[in-house]
Full PDB file with SEQRES, HELIX, SHEET, SSBOND, CRYST1, ORIGX, SCALE, CONECT and MASTER records, all heavy atoms in Angstrom:
SEQRES   1 A   41  ARG THR GLY ILE ARG GLN ARG ARG LYS ALA SER ALA ASP          
SEQRES   2 A   41  GLU ASN THR HIS THR MET ALA ILE GLN ALA VAL ASP LYS          
SEQRES   3 A   41  ILE LYS ALA SER LEU PRO TYR ASP ILE SER GLU VAL ASP          
SEQRES   4 A   41  LEU ILE                                                      
HELIX    1 AA1 THR A   16  ILE A   27  1                                  12    
HELIX    2 AA2 LYS A   28  SER A   30  5                                   3    
HELIX    3 AA3 ILE A   35  GLU A   37  5                                   3    
CRYST1    1.000    1.000    1.000  90.00  90.00  90.00 P 1           1          
ORIGX1      1.000000  0.000000  0.000000        0.00000                         
ORIGX2      0.000000  1.000000  0.000000        0.00000                         
ORIGX3      0.000000  0.000000  1.000000        0.00000                         
SCALE1      1.000000  0.000000  0.000000        0.00000                         
SCALE2      0.000000  1.000000  0.000000        0.00000                         
SCALE3      0.000000  0.000000  1.000000        0.00000                         
ATOM      1  N   ARG A   1     -11.472  36.990  -9.319  1.00  0.00           N  
ATOM      2  CA  ARG A   1     -10.413  37.369 -10.270  1.00  0.00           C  
ATOM      3  C   ARG A   1      -9.670  36.185 -10.864  1.00  0.00           C  
ATOM      4  O   ARG A   1      -9.078  36.296 -11.940  1.00  0.00           O  
ATOM      5  CB  ARG A   1      -9.425  38.313  -9.577  1.00  0.00           C  
ATOM      6  CG  ARG A   1      -9.985  39.705  -9.395  1.00  0.00           C  
ATOM      7  CD  ARG A   1      -9.256  40.504  -8.323  1.00  0.00           C  
ATOM      8  NE  ARG A   1      -9.814  41.852  -8.222  1.00  0.00           N  
ATOM      9  CZ  ARG A   1     -10.955  42.130  -7.596  1.00  0.00           C  
ATOM     10  NH1 ARG A   1     -11.661  41.166  -7.025  1.00  0.00           N  
ATOM     11  NH2 ARG A   1     -11.390  43.377  -7.558  1.00  0.00           N  
ATOM     12  N   THR A   2      -9.655  35.054 -10.158  1.00  0.00           N  
ATOM     13  CA  THR A   2      -8.833  33.928 -10.605  1.00  0.00           C  
ATOM     14  C   THR A   2      -9.582  32.603 -10.708  1.00  0.00           C  
ATOM     15  O   THR A   2      -9.143  31.703 -11.426  1.00  0.00           O  
ATOM     16  CB  THR A   2      -7.656  33.704  -9.646  1.00  0.00           C  
ATOM     17  OG1 THR A   2      -8.146  33.227  -8.383  1.00  0.00           O  
ATOM     18  CG2 THR A   2      -6.861  34.987  -9.428  1.00  0.00           C  
ATOM     19  N   GLY A   3     -10.656  32.448  -9.974  1.00  0.00           N  
ATOM     20  CA  GLY A   3     -11.350  31.171  -9.881  1.00  0.00           C  
ATOM     21  C   GLY A   3     -10.787  30.252  -8.819  1.00  0.00           C  
ATOM     22  O   GLY A   3     -11.345  29.193  -8.530  1.00  0.00           O  
ATOM     23  N   ILE A   4      -9.678  30.646  -8.203  1.00  0.00           N  
ATOM     24  CA  ILE A   4      -8.983  29.790  -7.238  1.00  0.00           C  
ATOM     25  C   ILE A   4      -9.627  29.893  -5.852  1.00  0.00           C  
ATOM     26  O   ILE A   4      -9.822  30.990  -5.328  1.00  0.00           O  
ATOM     27  CB  ILE A   4      -7.490  30.172  -7.142  1.00  0.00           C  
ATOM     28  CG1 ILE A   4      -6.812  30.042  -8.506  1.00  0.00           C  
ATOM     29  CG2 ILE A   4      -6.770  29.299  -6.113  1.00  0.00           C  
ATOM     30  CD1 ILE A   4      -5.401  30.613  -8.548  1.00  0.00           C  
ATOM     31  N   ARG A   5      -9.916  28.728  -5.272  1.00  0.00           N  
ATOM     32  CA  ARG A   5     -10.420  28.669  -3.899  1.00  0.00           C  
ATOM     33  C   ARG A   5      -9.417  27.999  -2.955  1.00  0.00           C  
ATOM     34  O   ARG A   5      -9.392  28.288  -1.762  1.00  0.00           O  
ATOM     35  CB  ARG A   5     -11.754  27.938  -3.841  1.00  0.00           C  
ATOM     36  CG  ARG A   5     -12.885  28.684  -4.549  1.00  0.00           C  
ATOM     37  CD  ARG A   5     -14.226  28.044  -4.295  1.00  0.00           C  
ATOM     38  NE  ARG A   5     -15.305  28.782  -4.932  1.00  0.00           N  
ATOM     39  CZ  ARG A   5     -15.883  29.862  -4.417  1.00  0.00           C  
ATOM     40  NH1 ARG A   5     -15.492  30.330  -3.242  1.00  0.00           N  
ATOM     41  NH2 ARG A   5     -16.862  30.473  -5.062  1.00  0.00           N  
ATOM     42  N   GLN A   6      -8.614  27.119  -3.508  1.00  0.00           N  
ATOM     43  CA  GLN A   6      -7.575  26.464  -2.710  1.00  0.00           C  
ATOM     44  C   GLN A   6      -6.471  25.977  -3.635  1.00  0.00           C  
ATOM     45  O   GLN A   6      -6.608  25.947  -4.852  1.00  0.00           O  
ATOM     46  CB  GLN A   6      -8.140  25.310  -1.894  1.00  0.00           C  
ATOM     47  CG  GLN A   6      -8.818  24.227  -2.711  1.00  0.00           C  
ATOM     48  CD  GLN A   6      -9.539  23.210  -1.834  1.00  0.00           C  
ATOM     49  OE1 GLN A   6     -10.216  23.576  -0.874  1.00  0.00           O  
ATOM     50  NE2 GLN A   6      -9.392  21.936  -2.160  1.00  0.00           N  
ATOM     51  N   ARG A   7      -5.335  25.631  -3.022  1.00  0.00           N  
ATOM     52  CA  ARG A   7      -4.188  25.130  -3.776  1.00  0.00           C  
ATOM     53  C   ARG A   7      -3.401  24.177  -2.886  1.00  0.00           C  
ATOM     54  O   ARG A   7      -3.582  24.153  -1.662  1.00  0.00           O  
ATOM     55  CB  ARG A   7      -3.293  26.261  -4.302  1.00  0.00           C  
ATOM     56  CG  ARG A   7      -2.542  27.082  -3.291  1.00  0.00           C  
ATOM     57  CD  ARG A   7      -3.394  28.029  -2.461  1.00  0.00           C  
ATOM     58  NE  ARG A   7      -3.881  29.181  -3.201  1.00  0.00           N  
ATOM     59  CZ  ARG A   7      -5.018  29.816  -2.921  1.00  0.00           C  
ATOM     60  NH1 ARG A   7      -5.771  29.411  -1.908  1.00  0.00           N  
ATOM     61  NH2 ARG A   7      -5.398  30.857  -3.604  1.00  0.00           N  
ATOM     62  N   ARG A   8      -2.520  23.348  -3.511  1.00  0.00           N  
ATOM     63  CA  ARG A   8      -1.703  22.400  -2.762  1.00  0.00           C  
ATOM     64  C   ARG A   8      -0.313  22.985  -2.520  1.00  0.00           C  
ATOM     65  O   ARG A   8       0.242  23.690  -3.373  1.00  0.00           O  
ATOM     66  CB  ARG A   8      -1.575  21.083  -3.530  1.00  0.00           C  
ATOM     67  CG  ARG A   8      -2.886  20.346  -3.730  1.00  0.00           C  
ATOM     68  CD  ARG A   8      -3.501  19.875  -2.417  1.00  0.00           C  
ATOM     69  NE  ARG A   8      -4.727  19.121  -2.657  1.00  0.00           N  
ATOM     70  CZ  ARG A   8      -4.779  17.800  -2.735  1.00  0.00           C  
ATOM     71  NH1 ARG A   8      -3.674  17.082  -2.574  1.00  0.00           N  
ATOM     72  NH2 ARG A   8      -5.924  17.190  -2.958  1.00  0.00           N  
ATOM     73  N   LYS A   9       0.262  22.638  -1.374  1.00  0.00           N  
ATOM     74  CA  LYS A   9       1.589  23.120  -1.009  1.00  0.00           C  
ATOM     75  C   LYS A   9       2.455  21.957  -0.560  1.00  0.00           C  
ATOM     76  O   LYS A   9       2.063  21.165   0.305  1.00  0.00           O  
ATOM     77  CB  LYS A   9       1.500  24.163   0.113  1.00  0.00           C  
ATOM     78  CG  LYS A   9       2.847  24.761   0.505  1.00  0.00           C  
ATOM     79  CD  LYS A   9       2.691  25.845   1.558  1.00  0.00           C  
ATOM     80  CE  LYS A   9       4.045  26.460   1.913  1.00  0.00           C  
ATOM     81  NZ  LYS A   9       3.894  27.549   2.912  1.00  0.00           N  
ATOM     82  N   ALA A  10       3.636  21.853  -1.141  1.00  0.00           N  
ATOM     83  CA  ALA A  10       4.576  20.789  -0.787  1.00  0.00           C  
ATOM     84  C   ALA A  10       5.027  20.954   0.658  1.00  0.00           C  
ATOM     85  O   ALA A  10       5.168  22.069   1.168  1.00  0.00           O  
ATOM     86  CB  ALA A  10       5.775  20.816  -1.720  1.00  0.00           C  
ATOM     87  N   SER A  11       5.279  19.837   1.318  1.00  0.00           N  
ATOM     88  CA  SER A  11       5.757  19.866   2.701  1.00  0.00           C  
ATOM     89  C   SER A  11       7.235  20.232   2.728  1.00  0.00           C  
ATOM     90  O   SER A  11       7.901  20.308   1.688  1.00  0.00           O  
ATOM     91  CB  SER A  11       5.558  18.506   3.352  1.00  0.00           C  
ATOM     92  OG  SER A  11       6.461  17.557   2.796  1.00  0.00           O  
ATOM     93  N   ALA A  12       7.752  20.420   3.917  1.00  0.00           N  
ATOM     94  CA  ALA A  12       9.165  20.763   4.080  1.00  0.00           C  
ATOM     95  C   ALA A  12      10.078  19.649   3.577  1.00  0.00           C  
ATOM     96  O   ALA A  12      11.241  19.891   3.234  1.00  0.00           O  
ATOM     97  CB  ALA A  12       9.460  21.057   5.545  1.00  0.00           C  
ATOM     98  N   ASP A  13       9.575  18.426   3.522  1.00  0.00           N  
ATOM     99  CA  ASP A  13      10.368  17.281   3.061  1.00  0.00           C  
ATOM    100  C   ASP A  13      10.232  17.021   1.565  1.00  0.00           C  
ATOM    101  O   ASP A  13      10.842  16.087   1.038  1.00  0.00           O  
ATOM    102  CB  ASP A  13       9.946  16.013   3.817  1.00  0.00           C  
ATOM    103  CG  ASP A  13      10.213  16.118   5.311  1.00  0.00           C  
ATOM    104  OD1 ASP A  13      11.226  16.744   5.677  1.00  0.00           O  
ATOM    105  OD2 ASP A  13       9.409  15.589   6.088  1.00  0.00           O  
ATOM    106  N   GLU A  14       9.430  17.831   0.873  1.00  0.00           N  
ATOM    107  CA  GLU A  14       9.184  17.622  -0.551  1.00  0.00           C  
ATOM    108  C   GLU A  14       9.848  18.707  -1.394  1.00  0.00           C  
ATOM    109  O   GLU A  14      10.115  19.813  -0.913  1.00  0.00           O  
ATOM    110  CB  GLU A  14       7.681  17.604  -0.831  1.00  0.00           C  
ATOM    111  CG  GLU A  14       6.969  16.410  -0.225  1.00  0.00           C  
ATOM    112  CD  GLU A  14       5.478  16.416  -0.525  1.00  0.00           C  
ATOM    113  OE1 GLU A  14       4.820  17.455  -0.265  1.00  0.00           O  
ATOM    114  OE2 GLU A  14       4.975  15.391  -1.013  1.00  0.00           O  
ATOM    115  N   ASN A  15      10.088  18.370  -2.649  1.00  0.00           N  
ATOM    116  CA  ASN A  15      10.641  19.335  -3.591  1.00  0.00           C  
ATOM    117  C   ASN A  15      10.271  18.913  -5.010  1.00  0.00           C  
ATOM    118  O   ASN A  15       9.547  17.931  -5.211  1.00  0.00           O  
ATOM    119  CB  ASN A  15      12.160  19.472  -3.412  1.00  0.00           C  
ATOM    120  CG  ASN A  15      12.892  18.154  -3.554  1.00  0.00           C  
ATOM    121  OD1 ASN A  15      12.794  17.481  -4.579  1.00  0.00           O  
ATOM    122  ND2 ASN A  15      13.621  17.754  -2.503  1.00  0.00           N  
ATOM    123  N   THR A  16      10.786  19.625  -5.994  1.00  0.00           N  
ATOM    124  CA  THR A  16      10.476  19.323  -7.393  1.00  0.00           C  
ATOM    125  C   THR A  16      10.811  17.886  -7.742  1.00  0.00           C  
ATOM    126  O   THR A  16      10.059  17.204  -8.457  1.00  0.00           O  
ATOM    127  CB  THR A  16      11.248  20.285  -8.321  1.00  0.00           C  
ATOM    128  OG1 THR A  16      10.986  21.631  -7.913  1.00  0.00           O  
ATOM    129  CG2 THR A  16      10.822  20.120  -9.767  1.00  0.00           C  
ATOM    130  N   HIS A  17      11.945  17.382  -7.253  1.00  0.00           N  
ATOM    131  CA  HIS A  17      12.365  16.013  -7.552  1.00  0.00           C  
ATOM    132  C   HIS A  17      11.478  14.983  -6.867  1.00  0.00           C  
ATOM    133  O   HIS A  17      11.030  14.021  -7.499  1.00  0.00           O  
ATOM    134  CB  HIS A  17      13.817  15.801  -7.114  1.00  0.00           C  
ATOM    135  CG  HIS A  17      14.815  16.553  -7.924  1.00  0.00           C  
ATOM    136  ND1 HIS A  17      16.174  16.403  -7.772  1.00  0.00           N  
ATOM    137  CD2 HIS A  17      14.667  17.472  -8.914  1.00  0.00           C  
ATOM    138  CE1 HIS A  17      16.810  17.183  -8.613  1.00  0.00           C  
ATOM    139  NE2 HIS A  17      15.916  17.852  -9.306  1.00  0.00           N  
ATOM    140  N   THR A  18      11.222  15.154  -5.590  1.00  0.00           N  
ATOM    141  CA  THR A  18      10.472  14.133  -4.846  1.00  0.00           C  
ATOM    142  C   THR A  18       9.049  14.002  -5.368  1.00  0.00           C  
ATOM    143  O   THR A  18       8.504  12.893  -5.436  1.00  0.00           O  
ATOM    144  CB  THR A  18      10.443  14.433  -3.341  1.00  0.00           C  
ATOM    145  OG1 THR A  18       9.726  15.655  -3.098  1.00  0.00           O  
ATOM    146  CG2 THR A  18      11.845  14.553  -2.762  1.00  0.00           C  
ATOM    147  N   MET A  19       8.429  15.122  -5.741  1.00  0.00           N  
ATOM    148  CA  MET A  19       7.071  15.055  -6.276  1.00  0.00           C  
ATOM    149  C   MET A  19       7.051  14.302  -7.603  1.00  0.00           C  
ATOM    150  O   MET A  19       6.158  13.488  -7.869  1.00  0.00           O  
ATOM    151  CB  MET A  19       6.494  16.459  -6.438  1.00  0.00           C  
ATOM    152  CG  MET A  19       6.189  17.148  -5.117  1.00  0.00           C  
ATOM    153  SD  MET A  19       5.285  18.704  -5.311  1.00  0.00           S  
ATOM    154  CE  MET A  19       6.551  19.747  -6.049  1.00  0.00           C  
ATOM    155  N   ALA A  20       8.048  14.561  -8.445  1.00  0.00           N  
ATOM    156  CA  ALA A  20       8.135  13.872  -9.733  1.00  0.00           C  
ATOM    157  C   ALA A  20       8.358  12.375  -9.545  1.00  0.00           C  
ATOM    158  O   ALA A  20       7.769  11.547 -10.252  1.00  0.00           O  
ATOM    159  CB  ALA A  20       9.262  14.475 -10.563  1.00  0.00           C  
ATOM    160  N   ILE A  21       9.193  12.021  -8.591  1.00  0.00           N  
ATOM    161  CA  ILE A  21       9.452  10.599  -8.310  1.00  0.00           C  
ATOM    162  C   ILE A  21       8.168   9.900  -7.856  1.00  0.00           C  
ATOM    163  O   ILE A  21       7.893   8.761  -8.251  1.00  0.00           O  
ATOM    164  CB  ILE A  21      10.576  10.472  -7.260  1.00  0.00           C  
ATOM    165  CG1 ILE A  21      11.926  10.819  -7.904  1.00  0.00           C  
ATOM    166  CG2 ILE A  21      10.606   9.073  -6.644  1.00  0.00           C  
ATOM    167  CD1 ILE A  21      13.058  10.982  -6.903  1.00  0.00           C  
ATOM    168  N   GLN A  22       7.366  10.586  -7.062  1.00  0.00           N  
ATOM    169  CA  GLN A  22       6.084  10.016  -6.625  1.00  0.00           C  
ATOM    170  C   GLN A  22       5.182   9.751  -7.835  1.00  0.00           C  
ATOM    171  O   GLN A  22       4.512   8.712  -7.918  1.00  0.00           O  
ATOM    172  CB  GLN A  22       5.391  10.980  -5.657  1.00  0.00           C  
ATOM    173  CG  GLN A  22       6.073  11.121  -4.321  1.00  0.00           C  
ATOM    174  CD  GLN A  22       5.633  10.070  -3.322  1.00  0.00           C  
ATOM    175  OE1 GLN A  22       4.964   9.107  -3.676  1.00  0.00           O  
ATOM    176  NE2 GLN A  22       6.007  10.248  -2.071  1.00  0.00           N  
ATOM    177  N   ALA A  23       5.158  10.677  -8.779  1.00  0.00           N  
ATOM    178  CA  ALA A  23       4.336  10.496  -9.980  1.00  0.00           C  
ATOM    179  C   ALA A  23       4.851   9.331 -10.821  1.00  0.00           C  
ATOM    180  O   ALA A  23       4.069   8.532 -11.347  1.00  0.00           O  
ATOM    181  CB  ALA A  23       4.314  11.779 -10.801  1.00  0.00           C  
ATOM    182  N   VAL A  24       6.169   9.212 -10.947  1.00  0.00           N  
ATOM    183  CA  VAL A  24       6.764   8.112 -11.714  1.00  0.00           C  
ATOM    184  C   VAL A  24       6.431   6.769 -11.073  1.00  0.00           C  
ATOM    185  O   VAL A  24       6.102   5.793 -11.770  1.00  0.00           O  
ATOM    186  CB  VAL A  24       8.286   8.304 -11.847  1.00  0.00           C  
ATOM    187  CG1 VAL A  24       8.950   7.043 -12.377  1.00  0.00           C  
ATOM    188  CG2 VAL A  24       8.592   9.480 -12.768  1.00  0.00           C  
ATOM    189  N   ASP A  25       6.495   6.701  -9.758  1.00  0.00           N  
ATOM    190  CA  ASP A  25       6.153   5.445  -9.072  1.00  0.00           C  
ATOM    191  C   ASP A  25       4.697   5.048  -9.338  1.00  0.00           C  
ATOM    192  O   ASP A  25       4.372   3.863  -9.450  1.00  0.00           O  
ATOM    193  CB  ASP A  25       6.397   5.565  -7.571  1.00  0.00           C  
ATOM    194  CG  ASP A  25       7.878   5.475  -7.216  1.00  0.00           C  
ATOM    195  OD1 ASP A  25       8.656   5.028  -8.074  1.00  0.00           O  
ATOM    196  OD2 ASP A  25       8.243   5.862  -6.092  1.00  0.00           O  
ATOM    197  N   LYS A  26       3.820   6.044  -9.464  1.00  0.00           N  
ATOM    198  CA  LYS A  26       2.411   5.767  -9.715  1.00  0.00           C  
ATOM    199  C   LYS A  26       2.156   5.268 -11.135  1.00  0.00           C  
ATOM    200  O   LYS A  26       1.228   4.498 -11.371  1.00  0.00           O  
ATOM    201  CB  LYS A  26       1.572   7.023  -9.442  1.00  0.00           C  
ATOM    202  CG  LYS A  26       1.472   7.384  -7.969  1.00  0.00           C  
ATOM    203  CD  LYS A  26       0.737   8.692  -7.765  1.00  0.00           C  
ATOM    204  CE  LYS A  26      -0.731   8.587  -8.108  1.00  0.00           C  
ATOM    205  NZ  LYS A  26      -1.463   9.837  -7.794  1.00  0.00           N  
ATOM    206  N   ILE A  27       2.988   5.679 -12.081  1.00  0.00           N  
ATOM    207  CA  ILE A  27       2.739   5.313 -13.479  1.00  0.00           C  
ATOM    208  C   ILE A  27       3.201   3.892 -13.803  1.00  0.00           C  
ATOM    209  O   ILE A  27       2.748   3.290 -14.787  1.00  0.00           O  
ATOM    210  CB  ILE A  27       3.409   6.315 -14.450  1.00  0.00           C  
ATOM    211  CG1 ILE A  27       2.664   6.331 -15.800  1.00  0.00           C  
ATOM    212  CG2 ILE A  27       4.874   5.997 -14.673  1.00  0.00           C  
ATOM    213  CD1 ILE A  27       3.152   7.404 -16.753  1.00  0.00           C  
ATOM    214  N   LYS A  28       4.074   3.336 -13.001  1.00  0.00           N  
ATOM    215  CA  LYS A  28       4.682   2.039 -13.323  1.00  0.00           C  
ATOM    216  C   LYS A  28       3.645   0.954 -13.588  1.00  0.00           C  
ATOM    217  O   LYS A  28       3.790   0.150 -14.516  1.00  0.00           O  
ATOM    218  CB  LYS A  28       5.612   1.601 -12.181  1.00  0.00           C  
ATOM    219  CG  LYS A  28       6.887   2.413 -12.067  1.00  0.00           C  
ATOM    220  CD  LYS A  28       7.725   1.932 -10.884  1.00  0.00           C  
ATOM    221  CE  LYS A  28       9.003   2.747 -10.739  1.00  0.00           C  
ATOM    222  NZ  LYS A  28       9.801   2.303  -9.559  1.00  0.00           N  
ATOM    223  N   ALA A  29       2.596   0.922 -12.800  1.00  0.00           N  
ATOM    224  CA  ALA A  29       1.593  -0.132 -12.939  1.00  0.00           C  
ATOM    225  C   ALA A  29       0.788  -0.009 -14.225  1.00  0.00           C  
ATOM    226  O   ALA A  29       0.200  -0.985 -14.692  1.00  0.00           O  
ATOM    227  CB  ALA A  29       0.645  -0.115 -11.738  1.00  0.00           C  
ATOM    228  N   SER A  30       0.784   1.197 -14.827  1.00  0.00           N  
ATOM    229  CA  SER A  30      -0.009   1.427 -16.036  1.00  0.00           C  
ATOM    230  C   SER A  30       0.786   1.275 -17.321  1.00  0.00           C  
ATOM    231  O   SER A  30       0.205   1.266 -18.409  1.00  0.00           O  
ATOM    232  CB  SER A  30      -0.614   2.837 -15.996  1.00  0.00           C  
ATOM    233  OG  SER A  30      -1.394   3.019 -14.839  1.00  0.00           O  
ATOM    234  N   LEU A  31       2.093   1.173 -17.218  1.00  0.00           N  
ATOM    235  CA  LEU A  31       2.925   1.075 -18.415  1.00  0.00           C  
ATOM    236  C   LEU A  31       2.720  -0.264 -19.119  1.00  0.00           C  
ATOM    237  O   LEU A  31       2.648  -1.302 -18.463  1.00  0.00           O  
ATOM    238  CB  LEU A  31       4.404   1.227 -18.055  1.00  0.00           C  
ATOM    239  CG  LEU A  31       4.899   2.606 -17.616  1.00  0.00           C  
ATOM    240  CD1 LEU A  31       6.366   2.533 -17.231  1.00  0.00           C  
ATOM    241  CD2 LEU A  31       4.683   3.631 -18.714  1.00  0.00           C  
ATOM    242  N   PRO A  32       2.667  -0.264 -20.451  1.00  0.00           N  
ATOM    243  CA  PRO A  32       2.528  -1.524 -21.190  1.00  0.00           C  
ATOM    244  C   PRO A  32       3.873  -2.221 -21.413  1.00  0.00           C  
ATOM    245  O   PRO A  32       3.958  -3.191 -22.153  1.00  0.00           O  
ATOM    246  CB  PRO A  32       1.921  -1.072 -22.516  1.00  0.00           C  
ATOM    247  CG  PRO A  32       2.439   0.307 -22.705  1.00  0.00           C  
ATOM    248  CD  PRO A  32       2.538   0.910 -21.329  1.00  0.00           C  
ATOM    249  N   TYR A  33       4.909  -1.715 -20.781  1.00  0.00           N  
ATOM    250  CA  TYR A  33       6.254  -2.301 -20.849  1.00  0.00           C  
ATOM    251  C   TYR A  33       6.953  -2.007 -19.527  1.00  0.00           C  
ATOM    252  O   TYR A  33       6.494  -1.171 -18.732  1.00  0.00           O  
ATOM    253  CB  TYR A  33       7.060  -1.720 -22.012  1.00  0.00           C  
ATOM    254  CG  TYR A  33       7.007  -0.210 -22.106  1.00  0.00           C  
ATOM    255  CD1 TYR A  33       7.837   0.596 -21.322  1.00  0.00           C  
ATOM    256  CD2 TYR A  33       6.115   0.425 -22.972  1.00  0.00           C  
ATOM    257  CE1 TYR A  33       7.784   1.975 -21.393  1.00  0.00           C  
ATOM    258  CE2 TYR A  33       6.053   1.805 -23.054  1.00  0.00           C  
ATOM    259  CZ  TYR A  33       6.881   2.576 -22.259  1.00  0.00           C  
ATOM    260  OH  TYR A  33       6.815   3.943 -22.329  1.00  0.00           O  
ATOM    261  N   ASP A  34       8.025  -2.696 -19.273  1.00  0.00           N  
ATOM    262  CA  ASP A  34       8.765  -2.467 -18.035  1.00  0.00           C  
ATOM    263  C   ASP A  34       9.470  -1.123 -18.099  1.00  0.00           C  
ATOM    264  O   ASP A  34      10.001  -0.728 -19.146  1.00  0.00           O  
ATOM    265  CB  ASP A  34       9.799  -3.581 -17.810  1.00  0.00           C  
ATOM    266  CG  ASP A  34      10.368  -3.522 -16.402  1.00  0.00           C  
ATOM    267  OD1 ASP A  34       9.741  -4.092 -15.482  1.00  0.00           O  
ATOM    268  OD2 ASP A  34      11.432  -2.895 -16.229  1.00  0.00           O  
ATOM    269  N   ILE A  35       9.505  -0.442 -16.982  1.00  0.00           N  
ATOM    270  CA  ILE A  35      10.086   0.902 -16.971  1.00  0.00           C  
ATOM    271  C   ILE A  35      11.580   0.881 -17.318  1.00  0.00           C  
ATOM    272  O   ILE A  35      12.140   1.889 -17.739  1.00  0.00           O  
ATOM    273  CB  ILE A  35       9.835   1.592 -15.607  1.00  0.00           C  
ATOM    274  CG1 ILE A  35       9.978   3.113 -15.758  1.00  0.00           C  
ATOM    275  CG2 ILE A  35      10.764   1.023 -14.520  1.00  0.00           C  
ATOM    276  CD1 ILE A  35       9.405   3.895 -14.612  1.00  0.00           C  
ATOM    277  N   SER A  36      12.211  -0.275 -17.195  1.00  0.00           N  
ATOM    278  CA  SER A  36      13.628  -0.399 -17.561  1.00  0.00           C  
ATOM    279  C   SER A  36      13.848  -0.220 -19.063  1.00  0.00           C  
ATOM    280  O   SER A  36      14.981  -0.015 -19.512  1.00  0.00           O  
ATOM    281  CB  SER A  36      14.183  -1.755 -17.128  1.00  0.00           C  
ATOM    282  OG  SER A  36      13.518  -2.811 -17.803  1.00  0.00           O  
ATOM    283  N   GLU A  37      12.770  -0.276 -19.869  1.00  0.00           N  
ATOM    284  CA  GLU A  37      12.876  -0.104 -21.315  1.00  0.00           C  
ATOM    285  C   GLU A  37      12.862   1.365 -21.739  1.00  0.00           C  
ATOM    286  O   GLU A  37      13.063   1.672 -22.920  1.00  0.00           O  
ATOM    287  CB  GLU A  37      11.741  -0.850 -22.017  1.00  0.00           C  
ATOM    288  CG  GLU A  37      11.772  -2.352 -21.829  1.00  0.00           C  
ATOM    289  CD  GLU A  37      10.609  -3.036 -22.525  1.00  0.00           C  
ATOM    290  OE1 GLU A  37      10.293  -2.653 -23.666  1.00  0.00           O  
ATOM    291  OE2 GLU A  37      10.016  -3.948 -21.918  1.00  0.00           O  
ATOM    292  N   VAL A  38      12.615   2.277 -20.808  1.00  0.00           N  
ATOM    293  CA  VAL A  38      12.639   3.711 -21.125  1.00  0.00           C  
ATOM    294  C   VAL A  38      14.020   4.086 -21.649  1.00  0.00           C  
ATOM    295  O   VAL A  38      15.046   3.764 -21.024  1.00  0.00           O  
ATOM    296  CB  VAL A  38      12.282   4.543 -19.881  1.00  0.00           C  
ATOM    297  CG1 VAL A  38      12.602   6.011 -20.093  1.00  0.00           C  
ATOM    298  CG2 VAL A  38      10.815   4.358 -19.529  1.00  0.00           C  
ATOM    299  N   ASP A  39      14.067   4.758 -22.796  1.00  0.00           N  
ATOM    300  CA  ASP A  39      15.364   5.137 -23.371  1.00  0.00           C  
ATOM    301  C   ASP A  39      15.505   6.644 -23.598  1.00  0.00           C  
ATOM    302  O   ASP A  39      16.388   7.110 -24.326  1.00  0.00           O  
ATOM    303  CB  ASP A  39      15.631   4.378 -24.679  1.00  0.00           C  
ATOM    304  CG  ASP A  39      14.522   4.525 -25.705  1.00  0.00           C  
ATOM    305  OD1 ASP A  39      13.628   5.376 -25.513  1.00  0.00           O  
ATOM    306  OD2 ASP A  39      14.545   3.778 -26.708  1.00  0.00           O  
ATOM    307  N   LEU A  40      14.633   7.427 -22.943  1.00  0.00           N  
ATOM    308  CA  LEU A  40      14.703   8.884 -23.018  1.00  0.00           C  
ATOM    309  C   LEU A  40      13.906   9.473 -21.873  1.00  0.00           C  
ATOM    310  O   LEU A  40      12.777   9.038 -21.606  1.00  0.00           O  
ATOM    311  CB  LEU A  40      14.133   9.374 -24.355  1.00  0.00           C  
ATOM    312  CG  LEU A  40      13.982  10.885 -24.542  1.00  0.00           C  
ATOM    313  CD1 LEU A  40      15.345  11.583 -24.553  1.00  0.00           C  
ATOM    314  CD2 LEU A  40      13.218  11.182 -25.836  1.00  0.00           C  
ATOM    315  N   ILE A  41      14.482  10.450 -21.173  1.00  0.00           N  
ATOM    316  CA  ILE A  41      13.771  11.157 -20.098  1.00  0.00           C  
ATOM    317  C   ILE A  41      13.910  12.654 -20.338  1.00  0.00           C  
ATOM    318  O   ILE A  41      15.023  13.175 -20.478  1.00  0.00           O  
ATOM    319  CB  ILE A  41      14.330  10.812 -18.699  1.00  0.00           C  
ATOM    320  CG1 ILE A  41      14.235   9.308 -18.442  1.00  0.00           C  
ATOM    321  CG2 ILE A  41      13.562  11.572 -17.622  1.00  0.00           C  
ATOM    322  CD1 ILE A  41      14.955   8.866 -17.173  1.00  0.00           C  
TER     323      ILE A  41                                                      
MASTER        0    0    0    3    0    0    0    6  322    1    0    4          
END                                                                             
């Protein structure tokens, strides 16, 4: 009915904010400018 066989679940120590922060930390190395230059979030 869905195609789903498995899914990910955040731990008790994780939430919407912490997951997003982890993603932001991962992107820093790929940015063509320093993250301090971001002027909109």
